[in-house]
Amino acid sequence: MKIKGLLSKLYKLIEHHAESVHHERLQEEKLQTHVHIIFSLSNAGSLKVALSQVGKREKSRVLAFNECFSIGPIRDLSTAEGQQRRQIWLMEHDKEAYFSNTINLEHQIERMIETLKTIPESKNVVIWCADNAHDQTGLRFALYLLRERERPVHVVNVTQILKESSLQQNKGETPVFQSWIERGTYIEIVNRYGDGIPLDSDLRKRYESEWQELEGQDHVLRFWEEGRVIGCEEDRMDALILQTVAELQEQHHSGDLVKAGDVLSSILEMSRQFVSYSYIMYRIWFLVSEGVLMFKGLPGFPHQFSIGLSKA
């Protein structure tokens, strides 16, 4: 009887806690006027910090996809079959992304689709992006999922804002990744443009149509070129990988092998394309298996091994 009494008290405590959490969540949602959509967990963290810095965190909900939309199959991605196809490809070619997906359930595509479709009309929707294939593919996917929404959707394209404003402090190339923007500049973007710029209906329909076109393709690599997302052949980056390795080896004069991490950083800098490290690693190991590259060290993290052009 004592055990039953303790279990009953424990159950009531758990029930009371659950009700309290639910009540707090409802109160939070009442305060929230804006729903921000972004395409990586790290960018979501930066956005939350910036929103707090400018006093807008309480009225903001941040929803984050945990995907790299510039790689992997996206055919029929809004269906269970398409999502399974993508997961199988990631499991075989990008295990890091696959495991990240399995432990971040609420950010999986299936959950995010349901979440986006249930955003109340009363909330202001703001989508954050930059000029790269990952963000721009994600933007088109999100707009397609929100196609039934009657109110305008707002967009913050950080690359375009930096080009058109005086916010960029250094005079180099405009960042095409949100993570490349200096912290103070990013906070100022959130402060000035955090409500987003309304997307006109014609452009919104065009982006929805472009998503349907992308979703019908079988490419596993996408680039951002001349203002469009372009589907590419799987080996599109191979020539750049080989060129980068050759240039870095030449800089060493002795022709010694070069750190794989240095190769990855140089490729992203030169290409200005948003492609995951793990995809480039996948192509490096393919070139090793073909005998085009050789390696020395422990296969795994890029800093653990070096690569070079085969001497044969």
C-alpha atoms as a PDB file:
ATOM      1  CA  MET A   1       0.000   0.000   0.000  1.00  0.00           C
ATOM      2  CA  LYS A   2       2.867   2.375   0.852  1.00  0.00           C
ATOM      3  CA  ILE A   3       4.433   1.745  -2.561  1.00  0.00           C
ATOM      4  CA  LYS A   4       1.089   2.433  -4.280  1.00  0.00           C
ATOM      5  CA  GLY A   5       0.749   5.674  -2.307  1.00  0.00           C
ATOM      6  CA  LEU A   6       4.257   6.790  -3.274  1.00  0.00           C
ATOM      7  CA  LEU A   7       3.635   5.940  -6.923  1.00  0.00           C
ATOM      8  CA  SER A   8       0.387   7.898  -6.839  1.00  0.00           C
ATOM      9  CA  LYS A   9       2.163  10.959  -5.394  1.00  0.00           C
ATOM     10  CA  LEU A  10       4.950  10.613  -7.934  1.00  0.00           C
ATOM     11  CA  TYR A  11       2.434  10.401 -10.789  1.00  0.00           C
ATOM     12  CA  LYS A  12       0.656  13.544  -9.526  1.00  0.00           C
ATOM     13  CA  LEU A  13       3.978  15.416  -9.302  1.00  0.00           C
ATOM     14  CA  ILE A  14       4.850  14.432 -12.878  1.00  0.00           C
ATOM     15  CA  GLU A  15       1.366  15.387 -14.063  1.00  0.00           C
ATOM     16  CA  HIS A  16       1.598  18.749 -12.285  1.00  0.00           C
ATOM     17  CA  HIS A  17       5.038  19.411 -13.803  1.00  0.00           C
ATOM     18  CA  ALA A  18       3.781  18.550 -17.293  1.00  0.00           C
ATOM     19  CA  GLU A  19       0.822  20.905 -16.868  1.00  0.00           C
ATOM     20  CA  SER A  20       3.141  23.676 -15.656  1.00  0.00           C
ATOM     21  CA  VAL A  21       5.456  23.220 -18.640  1.00  0.00           C
ATOM     22  CA  HIS A  22       2.489  23.234 -21.023  1.00  0.00           C
ATOM     23  CA  HIS A  23       1.106  26.390 -19.395  1.00  0.00           C
ATOM     24  CA  GLU A  24       4.503  28.137 -19.637  1.00  0.00           C
ATOM     25  CA  ARG A  25       4.755  27.155 -23.312  1.00  0.00           C
ATOM     26  CA  LEU A  26       1.301  28.582 -24.013  1.00  0.00           C
ATOM     27  CA  GLN A  27       2.265  31.828 -22.282  1.00  0.00           C
ATOM     28  CA  GLU A  28       5.461  32.002 -24.339  1.00  0.00           C
ATOM     29  CA  GLU A  29       3.526  31.452 -27.560  1.00  0.00           C
ATOM     30  CA  LYS A  30       1.125  34.266 -26.687  1.00  0.00           C
ATOM     31  CA  LEU A  31       4.065  36.667 -26.385  1.00  0.00           C
ATOM     32  CA  GLN A  32       5.617  35.500 -29.658  1.00  0.00           C
ATOM     33  CA  THR A  33       4.742  37.651 -32.643  1.00  0.00           C
ATOM     34  CA  HIS A  34       7.461  36.411 -35.015  1.00  0.00           C
ATOM     35  CA  VAL A  35       8.476  32.962 -36.218  1.00  0.00           C
ATOM     36  CA  HIS A  36      12.010  32.904 -37.666  1.00  0.00           C
ATOM     37  CA  ILE A  37      12.990  30.049 -39.999  1.00  0.00           C
ATOM     38  CA  ILE A  38      16.658  29.268 -40.543  1.00  0.00           C
ATOM     39  CA  PHE A  39      18.566  26.374 -42.101  1.00  0.00           C
ATOM     40  CA  SER A  40      21.178  25.209 -39.600  1.00  0.00           C
ATOM     41  CA  LEU A  41      21.381  24.663 -35.854  1.00  0.00           C
ATOM     42  CA  SER A  42      24.540  26.770 -35.502  1.00  0.00           C
ATOM     43  CA  ASN A  43      22.952  29.704 -37.360  1.00  0.00           C
ATOM     44  CA  ALA A  44      19.854  29.283 -35.183  1.00  0.00           C
ATOM     45  CA  GLY A  45      22.036  29.627 -32.080  1.00  0.00           C
ATOM     46  CA  SER A  46      23.629  32.818 -33.439  1.00  0.00           C
ATOM     47  CA  LEU A  47      20.211  34.243 -34.302  1.00  0.00           C
ATOM     48  CA  LYS A  48      18.840  33.524 -30.809  1.00  0.00           C
ATOM     49  CA  VAL A  49      21.823  35.255 -29.202  1.00  0.00           C
ATOM     50  CA  ALA A  50      21.460  38.266 -31.515  1.00  0.00           C
ATOM     51  CA  LEU A  51      17.704  38.490 -30.866  1.00  0.00           C
ATOM     52  CA  SER A  52      18.450  38.529 -27.128  1.00  0.00           C
ATOM     53  CA  GLN A  53      21.080  41.254 -27.606  1.00  0.00           C
ATOM     54  CA  VAL A  54      18.563  43.539 -29.343  1.00  0.00           C
ATOM     55  CA  GLY A  55      15.699  42.796 -26.947  1.00  0.00           C
ATOM     56  CA  LYS A  56      13.556  40.750 -29.360  1.00  0.00           C
ATOM     57  CA  ARG A  57      14.028  37.218 -28.010  1.00  0.00           C
ATOM     58  CA  GLU A  58      10.777  36.993 -26.026  1.00  0.00           C
ATOM     59  CA  LYS A  59       8.601  37.816 -29.003  1.00  0.00           C
ATOM     60  CA  SER A  60      10.499  35.447 -31.323  1.00  0.00           C
ATOM     61  CA  ARG A  61      10.307  31.726 -31.988  1.00  0.00           C
ATOM     62  CA  VAL A  62      13.242  30.270 -33.954  1.00  0.00           C
ATOM     63  CA  LEU A  63      12.685  27.148 -36.073  1.00  0.00           C
ATOM     64  CA  ALA A  64      15.759  25.449 -37.513  1.00  0.00           C
ATOM     65  CA  PHE A  65      16.227  22.767 -40.138  1.00  0.00           C
ATOM     66  CA  ASN A  66      19.206  20.498 -39.494  1.00  0.00           C
ATOM     67  CA  GLU A  67      20.164  19.800 -43.107  1.00  0.00           C
ATOM     68  CA  CYS A  68      22.699  20.762 -45.745  1.00  0.00           C
ATOM     69  CA  PHE A  69      20.361  21.338 -48.668  1.00  0.00           C
ATOM     70  CA  SER A  70      23.185  21.791 -51.182  1.00  0.00           C
ATOM     71  CA  ILE A  71      24.049  18.087 -51.009  1.00  0.00           C
ATOM     72  CA  GLY A  72      22.126  14.832 -51.107  1.00  0.00           C
ATOM     73  CA  PRO A  73      18.957  13.859 -52.970  1.00  0.00           C
ATOM     74  CA  ILE A  74      15.900  16.100 -52.557  1.00  0.00           C
ATOM     75  CA  ARG A  75      13.547  14.398 -55.018  1.00  0.00           C
ATOM     76  CA  ASP A  76      10.034  14.337 -53.501  1.00  0.00           C
ATOM     77  CA  LEU A  77      11.470  15.606 -50.211  1.00  0.00           C
ATOM     78  CA  SER A  78       8.052  16.617 -48.913  1.00  0.00           C
ATOM     79  CA  THR A  79       7.024  12.928 -48.947  1.00  0.00           C
ATOM     80  CA  ALA A  80       8.012  10.091 -46.604  1.00  0.00           C
ATOM     81  CA  GLU A  81       9.541   8.209 -49.533  1.00  0.00           C
ATOM     82  CA  GLY A  82      11.723  11.179 -50.495  1.00  0.00           C
ATOM     83  CA  GLN A  83      12.875  11.684 -46.905  1.00  0.00           C
ATOM     84  CA  GLN A  84      13.781   8.000 -46.591  1.00  0.00           C
ATOM     85  CA  ARG A  85      15.734   8.155 -49.860  1.00  0.00           C
ATOM     86  CA  ARG A  86      17.705  11.124 -48.533  1.00  0.00           C
ATOM     87  CA  GLN A  87      18.410   9.409 -45.199  1.00  0.00           C
ATOM     88  CA  ILE A  88      19.726   6.292 -46.933  1.00  0.00           C
ATOM     89  CA  TRP A  89      22.030   8.415 -49.104  1.00  0.00           C
ATOM     90  CA  LEU A  90      23.323  10.305 -46.051  1.00  0.00           C
ATOM     91  CA  MET A  91      23.912   7.045 -44.193  1.00  0.00           C
ATOM     92  CA  GLU A  92      26.075   5.827 -47.088  1.00  0.00           C
ATOM     93  CA  HIS A  93      27.861   9.077 -48.013  1.00  0.00           C
ATOM     94  CA  ASP A  94      27.664  11.502 -45.082  1.00  0.00           C
ATOM     95  CA  LYS A  95      27.503   9.613 -41.795  1.00  0.00           C
ATOM     96  CA  GLU A  96      28.132  12.786 -39.758  1.00  0.00           C
ATOM     97  CA  ALA A  97      24.955  14.428 -41.109  1.00  0.00           C
ATOM     98  CA  TYR A  98      23.024  11.171 -40.748  1.00  0.00           C
ATOM     99  CA  PHE A  99      23.860  10.770 -37.048  1.00  0.00           C
ATOM    100  CA  SER A 100      23.208  14.460 -36.399  1.00  0.00           C
ATOM    101  CA  ASN A 101      19.732  13.945 -37.828  1.00  0.00           C
ATOM    102  CA  THR A 102      19.011  10.918 -35.685  1.00  0.00           C
ATOM    103  CA  ILE A 103      19.768  12.749 -32.423  1.00  0.00           C
ATOM    104  CA  ASN A 104      17.994  16.017 -33.277  1.00  0.00           C
ATOM    105  CA  LEU A 105      14.502  14.669 -33.834  1.00  0.00           C
ATOM    106  CA  GLU A 106      12.554  17.938 -33.641  1.00  0.00           C
ATOM    107  CA  HIS A 107      14.677  19.401 -36.457  1.00  0.00           C
ATOM    108  CA  GLN A 108      14.176  16.484 -38.840  1.00  0.00           C
ATOM    109  CA  ILE A 109      12.459  17.264 -42.129  1.00  0.00           C
ATOM    110  CA  GLU A 110       9.283  15.358 -41.276  1.00  0.00           C
ATOM    111  CA  ARG A 111       8.847  17.258 -37.974  1.00  0.00           C
ATOM    112  CA  MET A 112       9.745  20.601 -39.552  1.00  0.00           C
ATOM    113  CA  ILE A 113       7.184  20.121 -42.325  1.00  0.00           C
ATOM    114  CA  GLU A 114       4.435  19.623 -39.756  1.00  0.00           C
ATOM    115  CA  THR A 115       5.672  22.558 -37.657  1.00  0.00           C
ATOM    116  CA  LEU A 116       5.758  24.978 -40.600  1.00  0.00           C
ATOM    117  CA  LYS A 117       2.310  23.946 -41.782  1.00  0.00           C
ATOM    118  CA  THR A 118       0.824  24.694 -38.353  1.00  0.00           C
ATOM    119  CA  ILE A 119       2.282  28.204 -37.888  1.00  0.00           C
ATOM    120  CA  PRO A 120      -0.714  30.409 -37.015  1.00  0.00           C
ATOM    121  CA  GLU A 121      -1.693  33.072 -39.563  1.00  0.00           C
ATOM    122  CA  SER A 122      -1.422  35.649 -36.781  1.00  0.00           C
ATOM    123  CA  LYS A 123       2.367  35.199 -36.570  1.00  0.00           C
ATOM    124  CA  ASN A 124       4.861  37.052 -38.766  1.00  0.00           C
ATOM    125  CA  VAL A 125       7.064  34.559 -40.635  1.00  0.00           C
ATOM    126  CA  VAL A 126      10.669  35.598 -41.336  1.00  0.00           C
ATOM    127  CA  ILE A 127      13.044  33.359 -43.341  1.00  0.00           C
ATOM    128  CA  TRP A 128      16.809  33.936 -42.986  1.00  0.00           C
ATOM    129  CA  CYS A 129      19.208  33.125 -45.810  1.00  0.00           C
ATOM    130  CA  ALA A 130      22.381  34.087 -47.672  1.00  0.00           C
ATOM    131  CA  ASP A 131      23.403  33.735 -51.310  1.00  0.00           C
ATOM    132  CA  ASN A 132      24.451  30.082 -51.341  1.00  0.00           C
ATOM    133  CA  ALA A 133      22.856  26.891 -52.666  1.00  0.00           C
ATOM    134  CA  HIS A 134      22.119  25.514 -49.187  1.00  0.00           C
ATOM    135  CA  ASP A 135      20.157  28.526 -47.921  1.00  0.00           C
ATOM    136  CA  GLN A 136      18.507  29.254 -51.264  1.00  0.00           C
ATOM    137  CA  THR A 137      17.332  25.663 -51.676  1.00  0.00           C
ATOM    138  CA  GLY A 138      16.036  25.758 -48.098  1.00  0.00           C
ATOM    139  CA  LEU A 139      14.267  29.072 -48.792  1.00  0.00           C
ATOM    140  CA  ARG A 140      12.424  27.592 -51.761  1.00  0.00           C
ATOM    141  CA  PHE A 141      11.502  24.461 -49.806  1.00  0.00           C
ATOM    142  CA  ALA A 142      10.149  26.497 -46.880  1.00  0.00           C
ATOM    143  CA  LEU A 143       8.122  28.748 -49.189  1.00  0.00           C
ATOM    144  CA  TYR A 144       6.653  25.675 -50.886  1.00  0.00           C
ATOM    145  CA  LEU A 145       5.605  24.295 -47.482  1.00  0.00           C
ATOM    146  CA  LEU A 146       4.061  27.688 -46.628  1.00  0.00           C
ATOM    147  CA  ARG A 147       2.245  27.985 -49.985  1.00  0.00           C
ATOM    148  CA  GLU A 148      -1.209  27.850 -48.345  1.00  0.00           C
ATOM    149  CA  ARG A 149      -0.367  30.738 -46.047  1.00  0.00           C
ATOM    150  CA  GLU A 150      -2.365  33.872 -46.884  1.00  0.00           C
ATOM    151  CA  ARG A 151      -0.282  36.502 -45.098  1.00  0.00           C
ATOM    152  CA  PRO A 152       3.014  37.703 -46.626  1.00  0.00           C
ATOM    153  CA  VAL A 153       6.243  35.863 -45.867  1.00  0.00           C
ATOM    154  CA  HIS A 154       9.244  38.034 -44.983  1.00  0.00           C
ATOM    155  CA  VAL A 155      12.851  37.289 -45.953  1.00  0.00           C
ATOM    156  CA  VAL A 156      16.205  38.472 -44.603  1.00  0.00           C
ATOM    157  CA  ASN A 157      18.919  37.813 -47.191  1.00  0.00           C
ATOM    158  CA  VAL A 158      22.053  38.795 -45.279  1.00  0.00           C
ATOM    159  CA  THR A 159      24.263  38.799 -48.385  1.00  0.00           C
ATOM    160  CA  GLN A 160      21.994  41.247 -50.192  1.00  0.00           C
ATOM    161  CA  ILE A 161      21.639  43.451 -47.101  1.00  0.00           C
ATOM    162  CA  LEU A 162      25.428  43.713 -46.764  1.00  0.00           C
ATOM    163  CA  LYS A 163      25.752  44.573 -50.468  1.00  0.00           C
ATOM    164  CA  GLU A 164      23.103  47.290 -50.326  1.00  0.00           C
ATOM    165  CA  SER A 165      23.891  48.846 -46.931  1.00  0.00           C
ATOM    166  CA  SER A 166      26.905  50.354 -45.211  1.00  0.00           C
ATOM    167  CA  LEU A 167      27.025  47.621 -42.573  1.00  0.00           C
ATOM    168  CA  GLN A 168      29.956  45.668 -44.027  1.00  0.00           C
ATOM    169  CA  GLN A 169      33.031  47.031 -42.281  1.00  0.00           C
ATOM    170  CA  ASN A 170      35.765  45.371 -44.330  1.00  0.00           C
ATOM    171  CA  LYS A 171      35.843  46.007 -48.059  1.00  0.00           C
ATOM    172  CA  GLY A 172      36.492  42.422 -49.108  1.00  0.00           C
ATOM    173  CA  GLU A 173      34.020  40.085 -50.769  1.00  0.00           C
ATOM    174  CA  THR A 174      30.526  40.015 -49.283  1.00  0.00           C
ATOM    175  CA  PRO A 175      29.983  36.916 -47.103  1.00  0.00           C
ATOM    176  CA  VAL A 176      27.887  34.212 -48.728  1.00  0.00           C
ATOM    177  CA  PHE A 177      27.629  32.239 -45.464  1.00  0.00           C
ATOM    178  CA  GLN A 178      25.862  33.656 -42.414  1.00  0.00           C
ATOM    179  CA  SER A 179      28.621  32.218 -40.204  1.00  0.00           C
ATOM    180  CA  TRP A 180      31.225  34.410 -41.964  1.00  0.00           C
ATOM    181  CA  ILE A 181      29.589  37.672 -40.868  1.00  0.00           C
ATOM    182  CA  GLU A 182      31.314  39.512 -38.017  1.00  0.00           C
ATOM    183  CA  ARG A 183      29.379  39.235 -34.761  1.00  0.00           C
ATOM    184  CA  GLY A 184      28.745  42.967 -34.304  1.00  0.00           C
ATOM    185  CA  THR A 185      27.593  43.323 -37.906  1.00  0.00           C
ATOM    186  CA  TYR A 186      25.255  40.353 -37.579  1.00  0.00           C
ATOM    187  CA  ILE A 187      23.664  41.786 -34.436  1.00  0.00           C
ATOM    188  CA  GLU A 188      23.108  45.084 -36.264  1.00  0.00           C
ATOM    189  CA  ILE A 189      21.441  43.232 -39.166  1.00  0.00           C
ATOM    190  CA  VAL A 190      19.096  41.542 -36.683  1.00  0.00           C
ATOM    191  CA  ASN A 191      18.376  44.886 -35.022  1.00  0.00           C
ATOM    192  CA  ARG A 192      17.623  46.769 -38.249  1.00  0.00           C
ATOM    193  CA  TYR A 193      16.168  44.060 -40.469  1.00  0.00           C
ATOM    194  CA  GLY A 194      14.890  41.448 -38.001  1.00  0.00           C
ATOM    195  CA  ASP A 195      11.294  41.857 -39.181  1.00  0.00           C
ATOM    196  CA  GLY A 196      12.347  40.904 -42.704  1.00  0.00           C
ATOM    197  CA  ILE A 197      11.385  42.302 -46.084  1.00  0.00           C
ATOM    198  CA  PRO A 198       7.993  41.170 -47.481  1.00  0.00           C
ATOM    199  CA  LEU A 199       8.326  38.877 -50.479  1.00  0.00           C
ATOM    200  CA  ASP A 200       6.072  40.027 -53.315  1.00  0.00           C
ATOM    201  CA  SER A 201       3.545  37.465 -54.526  1.00  0.00           C
ATOM    202  CA  ASP A 202       5.089  36.980 -57.993  1.00  0.00           C
ATOM    203  CA  LEU A 203       8.539  36.236 -56.580  1.00  0.00           C
ATOM    204  CA  ARG A 204       7.026  33.968 -53.952  1.00  0.00           C
ATOM    205  CA  LYS A 205       5.236  31.940 -56.665  1.00  0.00           C
ATOM    206  CA  ARG A 206       8.451  31.800 -58.697  1.00  0.00           C
ATOM    207  CA  TYR A 207      10.395  30.388 -55.752  1.00  0.00           C
ATOM    208  CA  GLU A 208       7.667  27.798 -55.102  1.00  0.00           C
ATOM    209  CA  SER A 209       7.853  26.776 -58.764  1.00  0.00           C
ATOM    210  CA  GLU A 210      11.653  26.579 -58.621  1.00  0.00           C
ATOM    211  CA  TRP A 211      11.381  24.248 -55.630  1.00  0.00           C
ATOM    212  CA  GLN A 212       9.102  21.929 -57.604  1.00  0.00           C
ATOM    213  CA  GLU A 213      11.672  21.925 -60.405  1.00  0.00           C
ATOM    214  CA  LEU A 214      14.513  21.110 -57.971  1.00  0.00           C
ATOM    215  CA  GLU A 215      12.431  18.455 -56.226  1.00  0.00           C
ATOM    216  CA  GLY A 216      12.014  16.685 -59.560  1.00  0.00           C
ATOM    217  CA  GLN A 217      15.763  16.327 -60.137  1.00  0.00           C
ATOM    218  CA  ASP A 218      18.127  13.539 -59.100  1.00  0.00           C
ATOM    219  CA  HIS A 219      21.261  15.633 -58.459  1.00  0.00           C
ATOM    220  CA  VAL A 220      23.120  15.154 -55.167  1.00  0.00           C
ATOM    221  CA  LEU A 221      25.124  18.390 -55.450  1.00  0.00           C
ATOM    222  CA  ARG A 222      23.852  21.935 -55.942  1.00  0.00           C
ATOM    223  CA  PHE A 223      25.695  25.215 -56.595  1.00  0.00           C
ATOM    224  CA  TRP A 224      24.546  28.848 -56.476  1.00  0.00           C
ATOM    225  CA  GLU A 225      25.368  30.441 -59.826  1.00  0.00           C
ATOM    226  CA  GLU A 226      24.094  33.657 -61.408  1.00  0.00           C
ATOM    227  CA  GLY A 227      21.255  33.981 -58.940  1.00  0.00           C
ATOM    228  CA  ARG A 228      19.941  30.429 -59.313  1.00  0.00           C
ATOM    229  CA  VAL A 229      20.314  27.039 -57.649  1.00  0.00           C
ATOM    230  CA  ILE A 230      21.952  24.741 -60.192  1.00  0.00           C
ATOM    231  CA  GLY A 231      21.957  20.940 -59.974  1.00  0.00           C
ATOM    232  CA  CYS A 232      25.473  19.583 -60.636  1.00  0.00           C
ATOM    233  CA  GLU A 233      27.109  16.259 -61.388  1.00  0.00           C
ATOM    234  CA  GLU A 234      28.405  14.437 -58.306  1.00  0.00           C
ATOM    235  CA  ASP A 235      32.059  14.920 -59.356  1.00  0.00           C
ATOM    236  CA  ARG A 236      31.762  18.681 -60.044  1.00  0.00           C
ATOM    237  CA  MET A 237      34.219  19.522 -57.228  1.00  0.00           C
ATOM    238  CA  ASP A 238      36.856  16.902 -58.061  1.00  0.00           C
ATOM    239  CA  ALA A 239      38.898  19.167 -60.355  1.00  0.00           C
ATOM    240  CA  LEU A 240      38.943  21.900 -57.691  1.00  0.00           C
ATOM    241  CA  ILE A 241      40.038  19.386 -55.039  1.00  0.00           C
ATOM    242  CA  LEU A 242      42.968  18.268 -57.218  1.00  0.00           C
ATOM    243  CA  GLN A 243      43.904  21.852 -58.115  1.00  0.00           C
ATOM    244  CA  THR A 244      43.865  22.870 -54.440  1.00  0.00           C
ATOM    245  CA  VAL A 245      46.005  19.908 -53.376  1.00  0.00           C
ATOM    246  CA  ALA A 246      48.534  20.668 -56.157  1.00  0.00           C
ATOM    247  CA  GLU A 247      48.756  24.361 -55.219  1.00  0.00           C
ATOM    248  CA  LEU A 248      49.196  23.636 -51.512  1.00  0.00           C
ATOM    249  CA  GLN A 249      51.866  21.019 -52.261  1.00  0.00           C
ATOM    250  CA  GLU A 250      53.680  23.532 -54.453  1.00  0.00           C
ATOM    251  CA  GLN A 251      53.627  26.058 -51.610  1.00  0.00           C
ATOM    252  CA  HIS A 252      55.412  23.465 -49.468  1.00  0.00           C
ATOM    253  CA  HIS A 253      58.144  23.361 -52.171  1.00  0.00           C
ATOM    254  CA  SER A 254      59.216  19.863 -51.161  1.00  0.00           C
ATOM    255  CA  GLY A 255      55.970  18.450 -52.489  1.00  0.00           C
ATOM    256  CA  ASP A 256      55.128  16.972 -49.105  1.00  0.00           C
ATOM    257  CA  LEU A 257      51.603  15.846 -48.389  1.00  0.00           C
ATOM    258  CA  VAL A 258      49.294  18.568 -47.064  1.00  0.00           C
ATOM    259  CA  LYS A 259      46.806  18.504 -44.204  1.00  0.00           C
ATOM    260  CA  ALA A 260      43.306  17.549 -45.367  1.00  0.00           C
ATOM    261  CA  GLY A 261      41.884  20.308 -43.131  1.00  0.00           C
ATOM    262  CA  ASP A 262      43.893  22.934 -45.052  1.00  0.00           C
ATOM    263  CA  VAL A 263      42.543  21.550 -48.328  1.00  0.00           C
ATOM    264  CA  LEU A 264      38.939  21.777 -47.072  1.00  0.00           C
ATOM    265  CA  SER A 265      39.319  25.381 -45.882  1.00  0.00           C
ATOM    266  CA  SER A 266      40.954  26.486 -49.146  1.00  0.00           C
ATOM    267  CA  ILE A 267      38.228  24.851 -51.259  1.00  0.00           C
ATOM    268  CA  LEU A 268      35.415  26.627 -49.414  1.00  0.00           C
ATOM    269  CA  GLU A 269      37.283  29.937 -49.627  1.00  0.00           C
ATOM    270  CA  MET A 270      38.018  29.654 -53.350  1.00  0.00           C
ATOM    271  CA  SER A 271      34.704  28.186 -54.481  1.00  0.00           C
ATOM    272  CA  ARG A 272      32.482  30.394 -52.284  1.00  0.00           C
ATOM    273  CA  GLN A 273      30.012  27.519 -52.417  1.00  0.00           C
ATOM    274  CA  PHE A 274      28.226  26.139 -49.345  1.00  0.00           C
ATOM    275  CA  VAL A 275      29.112  22.444 -49.446  1.00  0.00           C
ATOM    276  CA  SER A 276      29.517  20.407 -46.277  1.00  0.00           C
ATOM    277  CA  TYR A 277      32.993  19.335 -45.155  1.00  0.00           C
ATOM    278  CA  SER A 278      31.798  15.758 -45.157  1.00  0.00           C
ATOM    279  CA  TYR A 279      30.775  15.891 -48.832  1.00  0.00           C
ATOM    280  CA  ILE A 280      34.221  17.167 -49.822  1.00  0.00           C
ATOM    281  CA  MET A 281      35.728  14.403 -47.661  1.00  0.00           C
ATOM    282  CA  TYR A 282      33.538  11.882 -49.489  1.00  0.00           C
ATOM    283  CA  ARG A 283      34.970  13.086 -52.828  1.00  0.00           C
ATOM    284  CA  ILE A 284      38.545  13.078 -51.458  1.00  0.00           C
ATOM    285  CA  TRP A 285      38.205   9.438 -50.401  1.00  0.00           C
ATOM    286  CA  PHE A 286      36.724   8.595 -53.787  1.00  0.00           C
ATOM    287  CA  LEU A 287      39.804  10.117 -55.464  1.00  0.00           C
ATOM    288  CA  VAL A 288      42.042   8.144 -53.078  1.00  0.00           C
ATOM    289  CA  SER A 289      40.208   4.919 -53.977  1.00  0.00           C
ATOM    290  CA  GLU A 290      40.728   5.711 -57.678  1.00  0.00           C
ATOM    291  CA  GLY A 291      44.453   6.164 -57.105  1.00  0.00           C
ATOM    292  CA  VAL A 292      44.411   9.849 -58.052  1.00  0.00           C
ATOM    293  CA  LEU A 293      45.256  10.971 -54.506  1.00  0.00           C
ATOM    294  CA  MET A 294      47.333   9.302 -51.823  1.00  0.00           C
ATOM    295  CA  PHE A 295      47.081   9.762 -48.073  1.00  0.00           C
ATOM    296  CA  LYS A 296      49.097   9.303 -44.913  1.00  0.00           C
ATOM    297  CA  GLY A 297      47.823   9.191 -41.340  1.00  0.00           C
ATOM    298  CA  LEU A 298      44.621   8.106 -39.612  1.00  0.00           C
ATOM    299  CA  PRO A 299      41.426   8.246 -41.705  1.00  0.00           C
ATOM    300  CA  GLY A 300      38.863  10.243 -39.781  1.00  0.00           C
ATOM    301  CA  PHE A 301      38.965  13.893 -38.866  1.00  0.00           C
ATOM    302  CA  PRO A 302      40.690  16.156 -41.450  1.00  0.00           C
ATOM    303  CA  HIS A 303      43.470  17.157 -39.034  1.00  0.00           C
ATOM    304  CA  GLN A 304      44.462  13.510 -38.549  1.00  0.00           C
ATOM    305  CA  PHE A 305      45.724  12.803 -42.055  1.00  0.00           C
ATOM    306  CA  SER A 306      47.431  14.386 -45.053  1.00  0.00           C
ATOM    307  CA  ILE A 307      46.874  13.985 -48.773  1.00  0.00           C
ATOM    308  CA  GLY A 308      48.772  14.590 -52.013  1.00  0.00           C
ATOM    309  CA  LEU A 309      48.714  13.864 -55.718  1.00  0.00           C
ATOM    310  CA  SER A 310      49.693  10.286 -56.528  1.00  0.00           C
ATOM    311  CA  LYS A 311      53.180  10.000 -57.992  1.00  0.00           C
ATOM    312  CA  ALA A 312      52.336   7.099 -60.280  1.00  0.00           C
END
